[in-house]
């Protein structure tokens, strides 16, 4: 065994090869079913905190599980009527201590910490129900509309919220001014409030994205997890700001959204968990090497405990952690050159890496493909790359393929300083940057000597034309002079003969 400077433990598991692990790096605690269960049952649809030590977890086709965080003890509860293979899609604990459970076989509740579970015989509630307490009402969003019931259970039939009939509800959350946010699958958002024994719509909005989760920061700002990324919406200004993969987010599809004690946002996505610092807009992405159950998480499967512990469920279990206990690990892997090809022909790496003697290429050798890579043993699959081509101070870093391939096509003649860096999210950049210098020559007809030659030729041509013209004028003058002399001689001869006669 060998422990390196980054706390990576290397083990020679002969004859299987070498294994690597970093236990300190795995900061997300994992809850899964035991080996006696089908692995497909590990998918977690929802969860809620019963107290500071106990969680209610809704596994696929398993009913519900009570889990003790300190001891790891698990207890399975099946729903009444022997529905042992039912799935509970959402569960909440209300202010009275009643546990509400929405399943694919109906709606259930328990007033005695699951000692007894009772069914509400209302046929409205099957499949994909979202529960929310708006004290003293319990709201149920379904694929058929929105319904409500008093949390004291004096009535056992839900009232229909008429303005949401036949709507497919995607999420429900606390809104501004004591109102409730209700979003549907048609990218609409509504603010509603319970007045005079019914729910009244106060405001409604139409967006271009599907809303999966909502956090109301204050009476003016909403944060939304959507299928297009993280969205900040300013209510008064009607201003939308989108943060997506181009801004460093691991994946555009955001399922769950939870704020920590410092106002930073934690999101479950289709590619791990992302942390967003509101003050700096920096994004940190977390992946499998840190203990995540899988890359993909689930809708409705997120919860925040009273002590700030966060829970996110996905397709292979549930993760939980406390943001304040998170350790920041340095990120500084060097980027190495793997191959370089020019017009499809591979070049020796040494020629491209010698910076004090930049590689010289002709004007038609201007299609270059560079392959490169950086190694971080714990976060290799989360590394992105960016590049710059010039030494211009205000040039921005451009994103490049996560596979480590850069295609430079039809480069103009000039001097180039290619810089490639590794990065994590949009706030962790490796200081070990790859530098490559090369020059693409001008074609001969754009060189200074060719321009000088053209000038010389043009000057010679003009001068020759000038000399030719001068010679022509001289010749014409000589001819004219000869003709004039001959004419003078002829006239003189004629007069002489006349006077002689």
Protein backbone atom coordinates (compact mmCIF):
# COMPACT_ATOMS: atom_id res chain seq x y z
CA UNK A 1 0.00 0.00 0.00
CA UNK A 2 1.07 3.58 -0.69
CA UNK A 3 -0.44 6.90 0.44
CA UNK A 4 0.44 9.82 -1.85
CA UNK A 5 0.50 13.58 -1.18
CA UNK A 6 -3.19 13.95 -2.14
CA UNK A 7 -4.35 11.28 0.38
CA UNK A 8 -4.90 8.74 -2.40
CA UNK A 9 -4.45 5.20 -1.12
CA UNK A 10 -2.91 2.84 -3.69
CA UNK A 11 -3.25 -0.90 -3.12
CA UNK A 12 -1.69 -3.72 -5.11
CA UNK A 13 -4.55 -6.21 -5.20
CA UNK A 14 -2.49 -8.90 -6.93
CA UNK A 15 -3.36 -10.44 -9.39
CA UNK A 16 -6.17 -7.94 -10.06
CA UNK A 17 -3.85 -4.97 -10.57
CA UNK A 18 -3.78 -1.70 -8.63
CA UNK A 19 -6.75 -0.09 -6.87
CA UNK A 20 -7.02 3.56 -5.83
CA UNK A 21 -9.28 5.10 -3.19
CA UNK A 22 -9.58 8.37 -1.32
CA UNK A 23 -11.92 7.98 1.62
CA UNK A 24 -11.56 11.62 2.66
CA UNK A 25 -12.80 12.66 -0.75
CA UNK A 26 -16.09 10.75 -0.44
CA UNK A 27 -18.05 13.41 1.43
CA UNK A 28 -21.57 12.34 0.40
CA UNK A 29 -22.99 9.68 2.68
CA UNK A 30 -24.95 6.97 0.89
CA UNK A 31 -28.10 5.07 1.82
CA UNK A 32 -29.10 2.01 -0.23
CA UNK A 33 -31.13 -1.13 0.21
CA UNK A 34 -29.35 -4.31 1.20
CA UNK A 35 -28.20 -7.01 -1.20
CA UNK A 36 -31.37 -8.98 -0.48
CA UNK A 37 -33.36 -6.52 -2.58
CA UNK A 38 -33.50 -6.06 -6.33
CA UNK A 39 -31.13 -3.27 -7.38
CA UNK A 40 -33.98 -1.63 -9.35
CA UNK A 41 -35.64 -0.94 -6.00
CA UNK A 42 -32.76 1.40 -5.03
CA UNK A 43 -34.38 4.25 -6.95
CA UNK A 44 -35.55 6.83 -4.38
CA UNK A 45 -38.69 8.78 -5.33
CA UNK A 46 -38.90 10.98 -2.24
CA UNK A 47 -37.93 11.42 1.41
CA UNK A 48 -38.76 13.54 4.43
CA UNK A 49 -37.20 14.13 7.85
CA UNK A 50 -39.15 12.69 10.78
CA UNK A 51 -36.77 14.19 13.34
CA UNK A 52 -33.07 15.02 13.65
CA UNK A 53 -32.12 11.33 13.45
CA UNK A 54 -34.84 9.59 11.44
CA UNK A 55 -35.65 9.81 7.74
CA UNK A 56 -38.58 8.43 5.81
CA UNK A 57 -37.32 7.16 2.44
CA UNK A 58 -39.57 6.14 -0.46
CA UNK A 59 -37.88 3.42 -2.51
CA UNK A 60 -39.14 2.07 -5.81
CA UNK A 61 -41.77 -0.70 -5.41
CA UNK A 62 -40.98 -1.08 -1.71
CA UNK A 63 -43.40 1.11 0.16
CA UNK A 64 -41.44 3.22 2.67
CA UNK A 65 -38.36 2.85 4.86
CA UNK A 66 -37.60 4.45 8.22
CA UNK A 67 -33.87 5.06 8.45
CA UNK A 68 -31.92 6.01 11.58
CA UNK A 69 -28.96 8.17 10.56
CA UNK A 70 -26.81 7.56 13.65
CA UNK A 71 -27.14 3.79 13.75
CA UNK A 72 -27.95 2.95 10.12
CA UNK A 73 -30.92 0.86 11.28
CA UNK A 74 -33.56 0.27 8.58
CA UNK A 75 -37.22 -0.67 8.91
CA UNK A 76 -39.55 -1.33 5.96
CA UNK A 77 -43.25 -0.39 6.12
CA UNK A 78 -45.67 -1.74 3.55
CA UNK A 79 -48.85 0.14 2.75
CA UNK A 80 -52.20 -1.32 3.84
CA UNK A 81 -54.15 -3.86 1.78
CA UNK A 82 -50.93 -5.83 1.15
CA UNK A 83 -49.66 -3.51 -1.59
CA UNK A 84 -46.10 -4.73 -1.03
CA UNK A 85 -44.82 -3.70 -4.46
CA UNK A 86 -46.30 -0.22 -4.45
CA UNK A 87 -44.20 2.92 -4.97
CA UNK A 88 -44.60 6.00 -2.78
CA UNK A 89 -43.82 8.98 -5.01
CA UNK A 90 -43.90 11.72 -2.40
CA UNK A 91 -44.04 12.01 1.38
CA UNK A 92 -44.17 14.96 3.78
CA UNK A 93 -44.57 15.49 7.51
CA UNK A 94 -46.88 18.40 8.32
CA UNK A 95 -46.90 20.83 11.24
CA UNK A 96 -49.28 18.53 13.21
CA UNK A 97 -46.86 15.60 12.89
CA UNK A 98 -49.03 13.75 10.39
CA UNK A 99 -47.12 11.89 7.69
CA UNK A 100 -48.69 12.04 4.23
CA UNK A 101 -47.75 9.53 1.55
CA UNK A 102 -48.83 9.64 -2.11
CA UNK A 103 -48.43 6.36 -3.98
CA UNK A 104 -49.42 4.62 -7.20
CA UNK A 105 -52.26 2.92 -5.28
CA UNK A 106 -53.67 5.95 -3.50
CA UNK A 107 -53.02 8.47 -0.74
CA UNK A 108 -52.11 7.44 2.81
CA UNK A 109 -51.46 9.11 6.15
CA UNK A 110 -50.17 8.23 9.60
CA UNK A 111 -50.67 10.20 12.82
CA UNK A 112 -48.52 7.95 15.03
CA UNK A 113 -45.08 7.79 13.41
CA UNK A 114 -46.09 4.89 11.12
CA UNK A 115 -47.41 2.67 13.91
CA UNK A 116 -50.60 2.65 11.83
CA UNK A 117 -51.13 3.73 8.22
CA UNK A 118 -54.53 4.68 6.84
CA UNK A 119 -55.82 5.14 3.30
CA UNK A 120 -57.81 8.09 1.98
CA UNK A 121 -60.31 6.60 -0.38
CA UNK A 122 -60.22 9.32 -3.00
CA UNK A 123 -59.64 8.10 -6.55
CA UNK A 124 -58.12 11.39 -7.72
CA UNK A 125 -54.66 10.55 -6.44
CA UNK A 126 -52.72 8.07 -8.48
CA UNK A 127 -49.26 8.54 -9.93
CA UNK A 128 -46.83 11.41 -9.59
CA UNK A 129 -48.49 13.30 -6.76
CA UNK A 130 -46.69 16.31 -5.25
CA UNK A 131 -47.60 17.12 -1.64
CA UNK A 132 -47.21 20.48 0.09
CA UNK A 133 -48.47 21.90 3.40
CA UNK A 134 -50.04 25.34 3.25
CA UNK A 135 -51.15 25.33 6.88
CA UNK A 136 -53.93 24.50 7.60
CA UNK A 137 -54.34 22.92 4.14
CA UNK A 138 -52.54 20.08 2.39
CA UNK A 139 -52.13 20.64 -1.35
CA UNK A 140 -51.85 17.71 -3.74
CA UNK A 141 -50.62 18.33 -7.26
CA UNK A 142 -51.35 15.52 -9.71
CA UNK A 143 -51.41 14.88 -13.44
CA UNK A 144 -55.14 15.67 -13.29
CA UNK A 145 -55.04 18.98 -11.42
CA UNK A 146 -54.59 20.52 -7.97
CA UNK A 147 -56.55 19.48 -4.88
CA UNK A 148 -56.60 20.45 -1.19
CA UNK A 149 -57.73 19.07 2.16
CA UNK A 150 -57.62 20.29 5.75
CA UNK A 151 -54.66 18.89 7.66
CA UNK A 152 -56.88 18.08 10.65
CA UNK A 153 -58.56 15.38 8.50
CA UNK A 154 -62.08 16.40 9.56
CA UNK A 155 -62.91 15.77 5.93
CA UNK A 156 -61.61 12.82 3.94
CA UNK A 157 -62.46 14.08 0.45
CA UNK A 158 -60.23 16.60 -1.28
CA UNK A 159 -61.53 19.85 -2.70
CA UNK A 160 -60.72 20.63 -6.31
CA UNK A 161 -58.83 23.87 -7.00
CA UNK A 162 -60.94 24.74 -10.02
CA UNK A 163 -58.45 26.90 -11.95
CA UNK A 164 -56.03 23.94 -12.15
CA UNK A 165 -58.44 21.35 -13.53
CA UNK A 166 -56.79 18.94 -16.00
CA UNK A 167 -53.37 20.53 -15.44
CA UNK A 168 -50.33 18.33 -14.85
CA UNK A 169 -48.60 19.81 -11.79
CA UNK A 170 -44.78 19.68 -11.77
CA UNK A 171 -43.96 21.24 -8.38
CA UNK A 172 -45.36 23.23 -5.43
CA UNK A 173 -43.35 25.50 -3.15
CA UNK A 174 -43.53 28.39 -0.72
CA UNK A 175 -43.91 31.74 -2.51
CA UNK A 176 -43.67 35.46 -1.67
CA UNK A 177 -46.09 37.29 0.67
CA UNK A 178 -47.34 34.04 2.20
CA UNK A 179 -48.52 32.75 -1.17
CA UNK A 180 -47.91 29.34 -2.75
CA UNK A 181 -46.07 28.72 -6.03
CA UNK A 182 -47.64 26.10 -8.30
CA UNK A 183 -45.95 25.12 -11.58
CA UNK A 184 -47.30 22.85 -14.30
CA UNK A 185 -45.92 20.84 -17.20
CA UNK A 186 -46.84 23.59 -19.68
CA UNK A 187 -44.10 25.89 -18.33
CA UNK A 188 -46.58 28.00 -16.36
CA UNK A 189 -46.20 29.33 -12.82
CA UNK A 190 -49.02 30.52 -10.55
CA UNK A 191 -49.07 32.35 -7.20
CA UNK A 192 -52.14 31.30 -5.21
CA UNK A 193 -53.52 32.11 -1.75
CA UNK A 194 -56.27 30.59 0.41
CA UNK A 195 -59.01 33.17 0.93
CA UNK A 196 -62.66 32.71 1.96
CA UNK A 197 -62.43 28.91 1.91
CA UNK A 198 -60.94 28.69 -1.57
CA UNK A 199 -57.69 29.23 -3.43
CA UNK A 200 -57.40 32.42 -5.48
CA UNK A 201 -54.80 33.06 -8.18
CA UNK A 202 -52.79 36.22 -7.48
CA UNK A 203 -50.32 36.17 -10.38
CA UNK A 204 -49.38 33.87 -13.21
CA UNK A 205 -46.39 33.63 -15.54
CA UNK A 206 -45.48 31.85 -18.78
CA UNK A 207 -41.88 30.72 -19.23
CA UNK A 208 -39.86 28.88 -21.88
CA UNK A 209 -38.69 26.20 -19.45
CA UNK A 210 -40.18 23.44 -17.34
CA UNK A 211 -40.00 24.19 -13.61
CA UNK A 212 -38.95 21.24 -11.42
CA UNK A 213 -38.19 22.99 -8.12
CA UNK A 214 -38.48 26.47 -6.57
CA UNK A 215 -36.82 28.42 -3.76
CA UNK A 216 -38.22 31.83 -2.85
CA UNK A 217 -35.25 33.95 -1.71
CA UNK A 218 -37.41 36.92 -0.80
CA UNK A 219 -40.50 38.78 -2.00
CA UNK A 220 -38.73 39.81 -5.22
CA UNK A 221 -36.47 36.94 -6.23
CA UNK A 222 -37.29 33.34 -7.15
CA UNK A 223 -34.76 30.62 -7.92
CA UNK A 224 -35.98 27.74 -10.07
CA UNK A 225 -34.52 24.40 -11.06
CA UNK A 226 -35.59 23.75 -14.64
CA UNK A 227 -34.93 21.56 -17.67
CA UNK A 228 -32.75 24.35 -19.06
CA UNK A 229 -30.62 25.03 -15.97
CA UNK A 230 -30.80 27.19 -12.86
CA UNK A 231 -33.01 30.28 -13.30
CA UNK A 232 -33.06 33.48 -11.24
CA UNK A 233 -36.27 35.46 -11.72
CA UNK A 234 -36.76 39.02 -10.47
CA UNK A 235 -40.49 39.54 -10.02
CA UNK A 236 -40.58 43.33 -10.08
CA UNK A 237 -38.28 43.72 -13.08
CA UNK A 238 -39.65 40.67 -14.92
CA UNK A 239 -36.00 39.75 -15.45
CA UNK A 240 -34.76 36.20 -16.03
CA UNK A 241 -31.14 35.09 -15.63
CA UNK A 242 -30.14 31.58 -16.74
CA UNK A 243 -27.16 29.57 -15.48
CA UNK A 244 -26.51 26.44 -17.52
CA UNK A 245 -23.70 24.21 -18.80
CA UNK A 246 -22.10 27.16 -20.58
CA UNK A 247 -21.73 28.84 -17.18
CA UNK A 248 -20.17 25.74 -15.61
CA UNK A 249 -23.24 23.77 -14.48
CA UNK A 250 -22.69 20.01 -14.72
CA UNK A 251 -26.00 19.44 -16.51
CA UNK A 252 -28.90 21.61 -17.66
CA UNK A 253 -31.61 19.39 -16.15
CA UNK A 254 -32.02 20.47 -12.51
CA UNK A 255 -34.33 18.34 -10.35
CA UNK A 256 -33.96 19.47 -6.75
CA UNK A 257 -32.98 22.88 -5.38
CA UNK A 258 -32.06 23.52 -1.73
CA UNK A 259 -30.51 26.60 -0.02
CA UNK A 260 -27.89 26.27 2.71
CA UNK A 261 -27.46 28.55 5.74
CA UNK A 262 -25.29 30.94 3.70
CA UNK A 263 -27.82 31.32 0.88
CA UNK A 264 -25.85 29.15 -1.54
CA UNK A 265 -27.83 26.71 -3.67
CA UNK A 266 -27.34 22.96 -4.01
CA UNK A 267 -28.88 21.20 -6.99
CA UNK A 268 -29.44 17.60 -8.04
CA UNK A 269 -29.09 17.12 -11.79
CA UNK A 270 -28.67 14.47 -14.46
CA UNK A 271 -24.91 14.65 -13.87
CA UNK A 272 -24.35 14.77 -10.15
CA UNK A 273 -24.82 17.56 -7.61
CA UNK A 274 -23.85 21.18 -8.26
CA UNK A 275 -23.18 23.95 -5.76
CA UNK A 276 -23.93 27.57 -6.72
CA UNK A 277 -22.47 30.47 -4.72
CA UNK A 278 -24.95 33.33 -5.11
CA UNK A 279 -22.55 36.15 -4.27
CA UNK A 280 -19.86 35.14 -6.77
CA UNK A 281 -21.96 33.04 -9.17
CA UNK A 282 -19.31 30.32 -8.92
CA UNK A 283 -20.35 26.74 -9.60
CA UNK A 284 -18.75 23.62 -8.12
CA UNK A 285 -19.77 20.21 -9.46
CA UNK A 286 -19.63 16.97 -7.48
CA UNK A 287 -19.48 13.48 -8.97
CA UNK A 288 -19.25 9.76 -8.34
CA UNK A 289 -15.80 9.82 -6.78
CA UNK A 290 -17.22 11.92 -3.94
CA UNK A 291 -19.71 9.21 -3.01
CA UNK A 292 -22.78 10.03 -5.12
CA UNK A 293 -25.27 7.20 -5.63
CA UNK A 294 -25.16 7.72 -9.44
CA UNK A 295 -25.01 10.56 -11.94
CA UNK A 296 -28.82 10.74 -12.31
CA UNK A 297 -31.17 12.00 -9.62
CA UNK A 298 -34.99 12.04 -9.42
CA UNK A 299 -37.78 14.61 -9.38
CA UNK A 300 -39.37 15.44 -5.97
CA UNK A 301 -36.51 13.54 -4.32
CA UNK A 302 -34.89 16.20 -2.15
CA UNK A 303 -35.37 17.41 1.42
CA UNK A 304 -33.82 19.80 3.95
CA UNK A 305 -33.63 18.85 7.63
CA UNK A 306 -33.99 21.40 10.43
CA UNK A 307 -30.25 21.24 11.20
CA UNK A 308 -29.33 22.05 7.57
CA UNK A 309 -28.57 18.49 6.45
CA UNK A 310 -29.51 17.99 2.80
CA UNK A 311 -30.93 14.85 1.20
CA UNK A 312 -31.03 14.03 -2.51
CA UNK A 313 -32.42 10.80 -3.96
CA UNK A 314 -31.62 9.23 -7.30
CA UNK A 315 -31.76 6.07 -9.37
CA UNK A 316 -29.41 4.09 -7.10
CA UNK A 317 -30.07 5.31 -3.57
CA UNK A 318 -29.96 8.50 -1.53
CA UNK A 319 -27.15 10.86 -0.54
CA UNK A 320 -27.08 13.15 2.47
CA UNK A 321 -24.54 15.70 3.75
CA UNK A 322 -24.19 18.96 5.64
CA UNK A 323 -22.78 21.82 3.51
CA UNK A 324 -20.81 23.32 6.40
CA UNK A 325 -18.78 20.13 6.78
CA UNK A 326 -17.68 20.12 3.15
CA UNK A 327 -13.93 20.19 2.58
CA UNK A 328 -12.48 22.02 -0.41
CA UNK A 329 -9.86 19.99 -2.28
CA UNK A 330 -7.18 21.66 -4.45
CA UNK A 331 -7.42 21.26 -8.21
CA UNK A 332 -4.17 21.69 -10.13
CA UNK A 333 -3.59 18.86 -12.61
CA UNK A 334 -1.18 19.70 -15.45
CA UNK A 335 -2.48 19.45 -19.01
CA UNK A 336 -0.35 17.13 -21.14
CA UNK A 337 -0.07 17.04 -24.92
CA UNK A 338 -1.03 13.64 -26.36
CA UNK A 339 -0.94 14.13 -30.13
CA UNK A 340 -0.83 16.82 -32.80
CA UNK A 341 -1.85 16.41 -36.42
CA UNK A 342 -1.65 18.89 -39.30
CA UNK A 343 -3.92 18.32 -42.29
CA UNK A 344 -4.36 14.75 -41.04
CA UNK A 345 -0.63 14.10 -40.71
CA UNK A 346 0.77 13.52 -37.22
CA UNK A 347 3.62 15.74 -36.03
CA UNK A 348 6.29 14.90 -33.46
CA UNK A 349 5.24 16.23 -30.06
CA UNK A 350 8.70 17.64 -29.38
CA UNK A 351 8.38 20.02 -32.32
CA UNK A 352 5.13 21.40 -30.92
CA UNK A 353 6.28 21.64 -27.30
CA UNK A 354 9.56 23.56 -27.82
CA UNK A 355 8.34 27.07 -27.05
CA UNK A 356 11.62 28.94 -27.60
CA UNK A 357 11.67 27.68 -31.20
CA UNK A 358 8.07 27.96 -32.42
CA UNK A 359 7.07 25.45 -35.07
CA UNK A 360 6.96 27.03 -38.54
CA UNK A 361 4.19 25.95 -40.90
CA UNK A 362 3.25 27.08 -44.38
CA UNK A 363 0.03 28.90 -45.16
CA UNK A 364 -1.73 25.74 -46.35
CA UNK A 365 -0.75 23.79 -43.23
CA UNK A 366 -3.45 25.55 -41.23
CA UNK A 367 -5.79 22.73 -40.10
CA UNK A 368 -4.51 21.47 -36.75
CA UNK A 369 -5.96 18.91 -34.35
CA UNK A 370 -4.59 18.78 -30.81
CA UNK A 371 -5.30 15.96 -28.33
CA UNK A 372 -4.54 16.58 -24.66
CA UNK A 373 -5.51 15.44 -21.20
CA UNK A 374 -5.26 16.13 -17.48
CA UNK A 375 -5.42 13.56 -14.69
CA UNK A 376 -7.17 14.02 -11.36
CA UNK A 377 -7.58 10.58 -9.83
CA UNK A 378 -10.74 11.54 -7.94
CA UNK A 379 -12.54 13.85 -10.41
CA UNK A 380 -11.31 12.82 -13.84
CA UNK A 381 -14.79 12.56 -15.38
CA UNK A 382 -15.71 16.06 -14.19
CA UNK A 383 -12.80 17.86 -15.86
CA UNK A 384 -13.58 20.37 -18.58
CA UNK A 385 -11.11 22.30 -20.72
CA UNK A 386 -10.74 25.79 -22.12
CA UNK A 387 -8.25 27.36 -24.51
CA UNK A 388 -6.85 30.64 -25.83
CA UNK A 389 -4.95 31.20 -29.07
CA UNK A 390 -3.26 34.57 -28.61
CA UNK A 391 -1.42 36.66 -26.06
CA UNK A 392 -4.10 39.35 -26.12
CA UNK A 393 -4.84 40.49 -22.52
CA UNK A 394 -8.63 40.67 -22.96
CA UNK A 395 -9.03 37.39 -24.84
CA UNK A 396 -11.55 35.14 -23.09
CA UNK A 397 -11.11 31.43 -22.48
CA UNK A 398 -13.20 29.34 -24.87
CA UNK A 399 -14.72 26.01 -23.82
CA UNK A 400 -13.53 22.92 -25.65
CA UNK A 401 -14.56 19.26 -25.76
CA UNK A 402 -14.46 17.40 -22.44
CA UNK A 403 -12.85 14.56 -24.41
CA UNK A 404 -9.67 16.60 -24.77
CA UNK A 405 -9.73 17.28 -28.52
CA UNK A 406 -9.35 20.70 -30.12
CA UNK A 407 -9.83 21.28 -33.86
CA UNK A 408 -8.30 24.48 -35.24
CA UNK A 409 -9.56 24.91 -38.79
CA UNK A 410 -8.46 27.37 -41.50
CA UNK A 411 -6.15 29.34 -39.26
CA UNK A 412 -5.04 32.66 -40.70
CA UNK A 413 -1.30 33.33 -41.08
CA UNK A 414 0.32 34.69 -37.95
CA UNK A 415 1.97 33.89 -34.62
CA UNK A 416 -0.04 31.76 -32.18
CA UNK A 417 0.31 31.02 -28.49
CA UNK A 418 -2.02 28.09 -27.73
CA UNK A 419 -2.91 27.80 -24.04
CA UNK A 420 -5.06 24.97 -22.67
CA UNK A 421 -6.19 24.69 -19.06
CA UNK A 422 -8.25 22.21 -17.05
CA UNK A 423 -11.21 23.42 -15.03
CA UNK A 424 -13.98 22.20 -12.73
CA UNK A 425 -17.31 23.99 -13.03
CA UNK A 426 -16.65 27.70 -13.46
CA UNK A 427 -14.60 28.43 -10.35
CA UNK A 428 -11.79 25.88 -10.17
CA UNK A 429 -9.01 26.35 -12.69
CA UNK A 430 -5.73 24.49 -12.78
CA UNK A 431 -2.69 26.77 -12.69
CA UNK A 432 -0.69 24.21 -14.69
CA UNK A 433 -1.48 25.46 -18.19
CA UNK A 434 -0.25 23.82 -21.39
CA UNK A 435 1.62 26.31 -23.63
CA UNK A 436 2.39 25.73 -27.31
CA UNK A 437 3.83 28.31 -29.75
CA UNK A 438 3.63 28.01 -33.52
CA UNK A 439 3.66 30.25 -36.57
CA UNK A 440 1.76 29.94 -39.84
CA UNK A 441 3.61 31.68 -42.65
CA UNK A 442 2.03 34.00 -45.15
CA UNK A 443 1.67 32.73 -48.73
CA UNK A 444 4.45 34.06 -50.95
CA UNK A 445 2.12 36.60 -52.52
CA UNK A 446 1.53 38.17 -49.07
CA UNK A 447 5.19 38.40 -48.05
CA UNK A 448 7.16 41.66 -47.89
CA UNK A 449 9.72 40.54 -50.43
CA UNK A 450 6.99 39.63 -52.91
CA UNK A 451 5.44 43.09 -52.41
CA UNK A 452 8.87 44.65 -52.90
CA UNK A 453 9.41 42.62 -56.04
CA UNK A 454 6.03 43.72 -57.36
CA UNK A 455 6.93 47.33 -56.65
CA UNK A 456 10.27 46.89 -58.42
CA UNK A 457 8.61 45.27 -61.41
CA UNK A 458 5.98 47.98 -61.52
CA UNK A 459 8.66 50.65 -61.28
CA UNK A 460 10.65 48.93 -64.03
CA UNK A 461 7.56 48.65 -66.20
CA UNK A 462 6.67 52.31 -65.71
CA UNK A 463 10.25 53.35 -66.29
CA UNK A 464 10.47 51.22 -69.43
CA UNK A 465 7.21 52.70 -70.65
CA UNK A 466 8.58 56.15 -69.95
CA UNK A 467 11.84 55.45 -71.81
CA UNK A 468 9.92 53.92 -74.69
CA UNK A 469 7.73 57.01 -74.91
CA UNK A 470 10.74 59.34 -74.78
CA UNK A 471 12.47 57.36 -77.51
CA UNK A 472 9.33 57.50 -79.62
CA UNK A 473 9.16 61.27 -79.19
CA UNK A 474 12.84 61.56 -80.16
CA UNK A 475 12.25 59.40 -83.22
CA UNK A 476 9.25 61.47 -84.24
CA UNK A 477 11.28 64.64 -83.77
CA UNK A 478 14.11 63.22 -85.94
CA UNK A 479 11.66 62.21 -88.65
CA UNK A 480 10.03 65.61 -88.58
CA UNK A 481 13.43 67.27 -88.71
CA UNK A 482 14.43 65.11 -91.69
CA UNK A 483 11.22 65.84 -93.52
CA UNK A 484 11.62 69.54 -92.85
CA UNK A 485 15.21 69.50 -94.11
CA UNK A 486 14.27 67.54 -97.23
CA UNK A 487 11.40 69.93 -97.92
CA UNK A 488 13.70 72.90 -97.48
CA UNK A 489 16.28 71.42 -99.84
CA UNK A 490 13.61 70.59 -102.44
CA UNK A 491 12.15 74.09 -102.37
CA UNK A 492 15.59 75.65 -102.57
CA UNK A 493 16.55 73.51 -105.53
CA UNK A 494 13.35 74.43 -107.33
CA UNK A 495 13.88 78.16 -106.88
CA UNK A 496 17.45 77.87 -108.07
CA UNK A 497 16.44 76.14 -111.29
CA UNK A 498 13.73 78.76 -111.92
CA UNK A 499 15.99 81.72 -111.61
CA UNK A 500 18.68 80.03 -113.76
CA UNK A 501 16.28 79.60 -116.64
